[in-house]
Amino acid sequence: MVYCSNCGNELKEGDKFCSSCGESPALGSTGSNKRSGPQIVVNVQKNPGVAAVLGILLGLVGIFGIGQIYAGRFLRGLVFLFLGWVFIAILFFVGISAAVVTDSFFILSLAFLLPLLFYIWQAYDAYKLSKKFNKITLETGRTPW
């Protein structure tokens, strides 16, 4: 086990900064490179569960991509929002045409399946993005994007 020489927090192998005090293990272990004065360390973490729940709950009402925006990927969230609306529009128009045409169960079920798969995927993607954000932040000491 490796511990931070500045605060005593347990460090994971490969961490470049302490998740508690922000001190670099290389700098903290020698003692000669310590910075003087107060240190302000901002530990920004994104909760993957919150990202997934945002994707699930707001996706139910047609607002896709909020989990991606929460994880710091604004443009990706906007793309997901746009794609979600496109899938909803396709579902609407296919549903109307299926009501007119008989024997269109396959087309109607496909029209329901695609938005459902997108809905699940966008929530999972938000979860993964938050975990990646946290991993990179802990390894480098700064936000990844």
C-alpha atoms as a PDB file:
ATOM      1  CA  MET A   1       0.000   0.000   0.000  1.00  0.00           C
ATOM      2  CA  VAL A   2       1.151   3.483  -0.833  1.00  0.00           C
ATOM      3  CA  TYR A   3       0.073   6.425   1.287  1.00  0.00           C
ATOM      4  CA  CYS A   4       0.245  10.146   0.677  1.00  0.00           C
ATOM      5  CA  SER A   5       3.127  11.669   2.606  1.00  0.00           C
ATOM      6  CA  ASN A   6       1.189  14.920   2.946  1.00  0.00           C
ATOM      7  CA  CYS A   7      -2.135  13.729   4.415  1.00  0.00           C
ATOM      8  CA  GLY A   8      -1.783   9.951   4.878  1.00  0.00           C
ATOM      9  CA  ASN A   9      -4.579   9.066   2.462  1.00  0.00           C
ATOM     10  CA  GLU A  10      -4.278   5.669   0.750  1.00  0.00           C
ATOM     11  CA  LEU A  11      -3.221   6.027  -2.902  1.00  0.00           C
ATOM     12  CA  LYS A  12      -4.171   3.694  -5.703  1.00  0.00           C
ATOM     13  CA  GLU A  13      -1.433   2.396  -7.930  1.00  0.00           C
ATOM     14  CA  GLY A  14      -0.857   4.783 -10.820  1.00  0.00           C
ATOM     15  CA  ASP A  15      -2.458   7.838  -9.176  1.00  0.00           C
ATOM     16  CA  LYS A  16      -0.543  10.982 -10.019  1.00  0.00           C
ATOM     17  CA  PHE A  17      -2.290  13.030  -7.340  1.00  0.00           C
ATOM     18  CA  CYS A  18      -3.795  12.292  -3.943  1.00  0.00           C
ATOM     19  CA  SER A  19      -7.594  12.280  -4.134  1.00  0.00           C
ATOM     20  CA  SER A  20      -7.775  13.871  -0.679  1.00  0.00           C
ATOM     21  CA  CYS A  21      -5.227  16.698  -0.671  1.00  0.00           C
ATOM     22  CA  GLY A  22      -4.111  16.912  -4.315  1.00  0.00           C
ATOM     23  CA  GLU A  23      -0.432  16.413  -3.516  1.00  0.00           C
ATOM     24  CA  SER A  24       1.676  14.569  -6.049  1.00  0.00           C
ATOM     25  CA  PRO A  25       3.186  11.415  -4.501  1.00  0.00           C
ATOM     26  CA  ALA A  26       6.544  12.233  -6.103  1.00  0.00           C
ATOM     27  CA  LEU A  27       6.548  15.749  -4.691  1.00  0.00           C
ATOM     28  CA  GLY A  28       5.195  14.762  -1.314  1.00  0.00           C
ATOM     29  CA  SER A  29       7.638  11.914  -0.741  1.00  0.00           C
ATOM     30  CA  THR A  30      10.821  13.960  -1.043  1.00  0.00           C
ATOM     31  CA  GLY A  31       9.671  16.906   0.998  1.00  0.00           C
ATOM     32  CA  SER A  32      12.015  19.222  -0.914  1.00  0.00           C
ATOM     33  CA  ASN A  33       9.542  20.207  -3.623  1.00  0.00           C
ATOM     34  CA  LYS A  34       6.660  21.149  -1.319  1.00  0.00           C
ATOM     35  CA  ARG A  35       4.842  24.320  -2.171  1.00  0.00           C
ATOM     36  CA  SER A  36       4.596  26.918   0.525  1.00  0.00           C
ATOM     37  CA  GLY A  37       1.385  28.633   1.500  1.00  0.00           C
ATOM     38  CA  PRO A  38      -2.176  27.389   1.488  1.00  0.00           C
ATOM     39  CA  GLN A  39      -3.181  24.965  -1.203  1.00  0.00           C
ATOM     40  CA  ILE A  40      -6.618  24.892  -2.724  1.00  0.00           C
ATOM     41  CA  VAL A  41      -7.545  21.577  -4.240  1.00  0.00           C
ATOM     42  CA  VAL A  42     -10.810  21.151  -6.062  1.00  0.00           C
ATOM     43  CA  ASN A  43     -11.892  17.541  -6.193  1.00  0.00           C
ATOM     44  CA  VAL A  44     -14.513  17.470  -8.943  1.00  0.00           C
ATOM     45  CA  GLN A  45     -16.307  14.150  -9.162  1.00  0.00           C
ATOM     46  CA  LYS A  46     -19.382  13.177 -11.153  1.00  0.00           C
ATOM     47  CA  ASN A  47     -21.738  10.613  -9.671  1.00  0.00           C
ATOM     48  CA  PRO A  48     -22.354   7.917 -12.316  1.00  0.00           C
ATOM     49  CA  GLY A  49     -25.657   7.006 -10.685  1.00  0.00           C
ATOM     50  CA  VAL A  50     -26.911  10.572 -10.976  1.00  0.00           C
ATOM     51  CA  ALA A  51     -25.900  10.656 -14.647  1.00  0.00           C
ATOM     52  CA  ALA A  52     -27.794   7.422 -15.359  1.00  0.00           C
ATOM     53  CA  VAL A  53     -30.878   8.511 -13.393  1.00  0.00           C
ATOM     54  CA  LEU A  54     -30.933  11.846 -15.236  1.00  0.00           C
ATOM     55  CA  GLY A  55     -30.785   9.940 -18.510  1.00  0.00           C
ATOM     56  CA  ILE A  56     -33.552   7.560 -17.452  1.00  0.00           C
ATOM     57  CA  LEU A  57     -35.989  10.012 -15.883  1.00  0.00           C
ATOM     58  CA  LEU A  58     -35.638  12.861 -18.341  1.00  0.00           C
ATOM     59  CA  GLY A  59     -35.477  10.425 -21.248  1.00  0.00           C
ATOM     60  CA  LEU A  60     -38.958   9.263 -20.306  1.00  0.00           C
ATOM     61  CA  VAL A  61     -40.302  12.700 -21.176  1.00  0.00           C
ATOM     62  CA  GLY A  62     -38.249  13.055 -24.348  1.00  0.00           C
ATOM     63  CA  ILE A  63     -35.339  15.044 -22.957  1.00  0.00           C
ATOM     64  CA  PHE A  64     -32.373  12.887 -23.934  1.00  0.00           C
ATOM     65  CA  GLY A  65     -28.694  13.720 -23.380  1.00  0.00           C
ATOM     66  CA  ILE A  66     -28.935  15.409 -19.977  1.00  0.00           C
ATOM     67  CA  GLY A  67     -26.743  12.695 -18.426  1.00  0.00           C
ATOM     68  CA  GLN A  68     -24.047  13.466 -21.003  1.00  0.00           C
ATOM     69  CA  ILE A  69     -24.317  17.184 -20.258  1.00  0.00           C
ATOM     70  CA  TYR A  70     -24.006  16.426 -16.526  1.00  0.00           C
ATOM     71  CA  ALA A  71     -20.841  14.422 -17.259  1.00  0.00           C
ATOM     72  CA  GLY A  72     -19.357  17.457 -19.000  1.00  0.00           C
ATOM     73  CA  ARG A  73     -19.999  16.559 -22.629  1.00  0.00           C
ATOM     74  CA  PHE A  74     -22.335  19.381 -23.678  1.00  0.00           C
ATOM     75  CA  LEU A  75     -22.139  18.894 -27.449  1.00  0.00           C
ATOM     76  CA  ARG A  76     -22.608  15.151 -27.125  1.00  0.00           C
ATOM     77  CA  GLY A  77     -25.664  15.788 -24.974  1.00  0.00           C
ATOM     78  CA  LEU A  78     -27.132  18.072 -27.621  1.00  0.00           C
ATOM     79  CA  VAL A  79     -26.539  15.429 -30.294  1.00  0.00           C
ATOM     80  CA  PHE A  80     -28.311  12.859 -28.106  1.00  0.00           C
ATOM     81  CA  LEU A  81     -31.188  15.288 -27.585  1.00  0.00           C
ATOM     82  CA  PHE A  82     -31.546  15.799 -31.337  1.00  0.00           C
ATOM     83  CA  LEU A  83     -31.324  12.063 -32.090  1.00  0.00           C
ATOM     84  CA  GLY A  84     -33.903  11.320 -29.425  1.00  0.00           C
ATOM     85  CA  TRP A  85     -36.333  13.748 -31.010  1.00  0.00           C
ATOM     86  CA  VAL A  86     -35.676  12.206 -34.421  1.00  0.00           C
ATOM     87  CA  PHE A  87     -36.483   8.741 -33.041  1.00  0.00           C
ATOM     88  CA  ILE A  88     -39.653  10.056 -31.404  1.00  0.00           C
ATOM     89  CA  ALA A  89     -40.722  11.689 -34.691  1.00  0.00           C
ATOM     90  CA  ILE A  90     -40.072   8.439 -36.567  1.00  0.00           C
ATOM     91  CA  LEU A  91     -42.080   6.538 -33.964  1.00  0.00           C
ATOM     92  CA  PHE A  92     -44.950   9.009 -34.308  1.00  0.00           C
ATOM     93  CA  PHE A  93     -45.085   8.944 -38.099  1.00  0.00           C
ATOM     94  CA  VAL A  94     -44.644   5.181 -38.348  1.00  0.00           C
ATOM     95  CA  GLY A  95     -47.361   4.764 -35.738  1.00  0.00           C
ATOM     96  CA  ILE A  96     -49.746   6.890 -37.774  1.00  0.00           C
ATOM     97  CA  SER A  97     -48.951   5.047 -41.001  1.00  0.00           C
ATOM     98  CA  ALA A  98     -49.255   1.674 -39.220  1.00  0.00           C
ATOM     99  CA  ALA A  99     -52.742   2.623 -38.091  1.00  0.00           C
ATOM    100  CA  VAL A 100     -53.698   3.169 -41.720  1.00  0.00           C
ATOM    101  CA  VAL A 101     -51.976   0.086 -43.146  1.00  0.00           C
ATOM    102  CA  THR A 102     -53.017  -3.327 -41.915  1.00  0.00           C
ATOM    103  CA  ASP A 103     -50.523  -6.126 -41.166  1.00  0.00           C
ATOM    104  CA  SER A 104     -47.792  -3.683 -40.151  1.00  0.00           C
ATOM    105  CA  PHE A 105     -46.929  -5.251 -36.790  1.00  0.00           C
ATOM    106  CA  PHE A 106     -43.277  -5.749 -37.746  1.00  0.00           C
ATOM    107  CA  ILE A 107     -42.807  -2.132 -38.791  1.00  0.00           C
ATOM    108  CA  LEU A 108     -44.601  -0.865 -35.708  1.00  0.00           C
ATOM    109  CA  SER A 109     -42.568  -3.063 -33.357  1.00  0.00           C
ATOM    110  CA  LEU A 110     -39.339  -1.938 -35.032  1.00  0.00           C
ATOM    111  CA  ALA A 111     -40.436   1.673 -34.666  1.00  0.00           C
ATOM    112  CA  PHE A 112     -40.892   1.098 -30.920  1.00  0.00           C
ATOM    113  CA  LEU A 113     -37.701  -0.922 -30.509  1.00  0.00           C
ATOM    114  CA  LEU A 114     -35.266   1.645 -31.939  1.00  0.00           C
ATOM    115  CA  PRO A 115     -36.212   4.487 -29.547  1.00  0.00           C
ATOM    116  CA  LEU A 116     -36.223   2.041 -26.631  1.00  0.00           C
ATOM    117  CA  LEU A 117     -32.699   0.844 -27.453  1.00  0.00           C
ATOM    118  CA  PHE A 118     -31.527   4.451 -27.858  1.00  0.00           C
ATOM    119  CA  TYR A 119     -33.141   5.354 -24.521  1.00  0.00           C
ATOM    120  CA  ILE A 120     -31.291   2.556 -22.710  1.00  0.00           C
ATOM    121  CA  TRP A 121     -28.020   3.280 -24.497  1.00  0.00           C
ATOM    122  CA  GLN A 122     -28.014   7.010 -23.701  1.00  0.00           C
ATOM    123  CA  ALA A 123     -28.500   6.298 -19.976  1.00  0.00           C
ATOM    124  CA  TYR A 124     -25.675   3.730 -19.999  1.00  0.00           C
ATOM    125  CA  ASP A 125     -23.430   6.099 -21.965  1.00  0.00           C
ATOM    126  CA  ALA A 126     -23.986   8.841 -19.366  1.00  0.00           C
ATOM    127  CA  TYR A 127     -23.008   6.363 -16.633  1.00  0.00           C
ATOM    128  CA  LYS A 128     -19.812   5.381 -18.497  1.00  0.00           C
ATOM    129  CA  LEU A 129     -18.886   9.000 -19.211  1.00  0.00           C
ATOM    130  CA  SER A 130     -19.145   9.918 -15.525  1.00  0.00           C
ATOM    131  CA  LYS A 131     -16.929   6.996 -14.531  1.00  0.00           C
ATOM    132  CA  LYS A 132     -14.387   7.997 -17.197  1.00  0.00           C
ATOM    133  CA  PHE A 133     -14.519  11.618 -16.011  1.00  0.00           C
ATOM    134  CA  ASN A 134     -13.767  10.507 -12.432  1.00  0.00           C
ATOM    135  CA  LYS A 135     -10.937   8.186 -13.483  1.00  0.00           C
ATOM    136  CA  ILE A 136      -9.166  10.818 -15.576  1.00  0.00           C
ATOM    137  CA  THR A 137      -9.665  13.474 -12.894  1.00  0.00           C
ATOM    138  CA  LEU A 138      -8.083  11.254 -10.234  1.00  0.00           C
ATOM    139  CA  GLU A 139      -5.183  10.236 -12.491  1.00  0.00           C
ATOM    140  CA  THR A 140      -4.281  13.672 -13.807  1.00  0.00           C
ATOM    141  CA  GLY A 141      -5.596  16.033 -11.173  1.00  0.00           C
ATOM    142  CA  ARG A 142      -7.636  18.051 -13.675  1.00  0.00           C
ATOM    143  CA  THR A 143     -10.891  17.682 -15.522  1.00  0.00           C
ATOM    144  CA  PRO A 144     -10.619  15.788 -18.806  1.00  0.00           C
ATOM    145  CA  TRP A 145     -12.840  17.927 -21.025  1.00  0.00           C
END
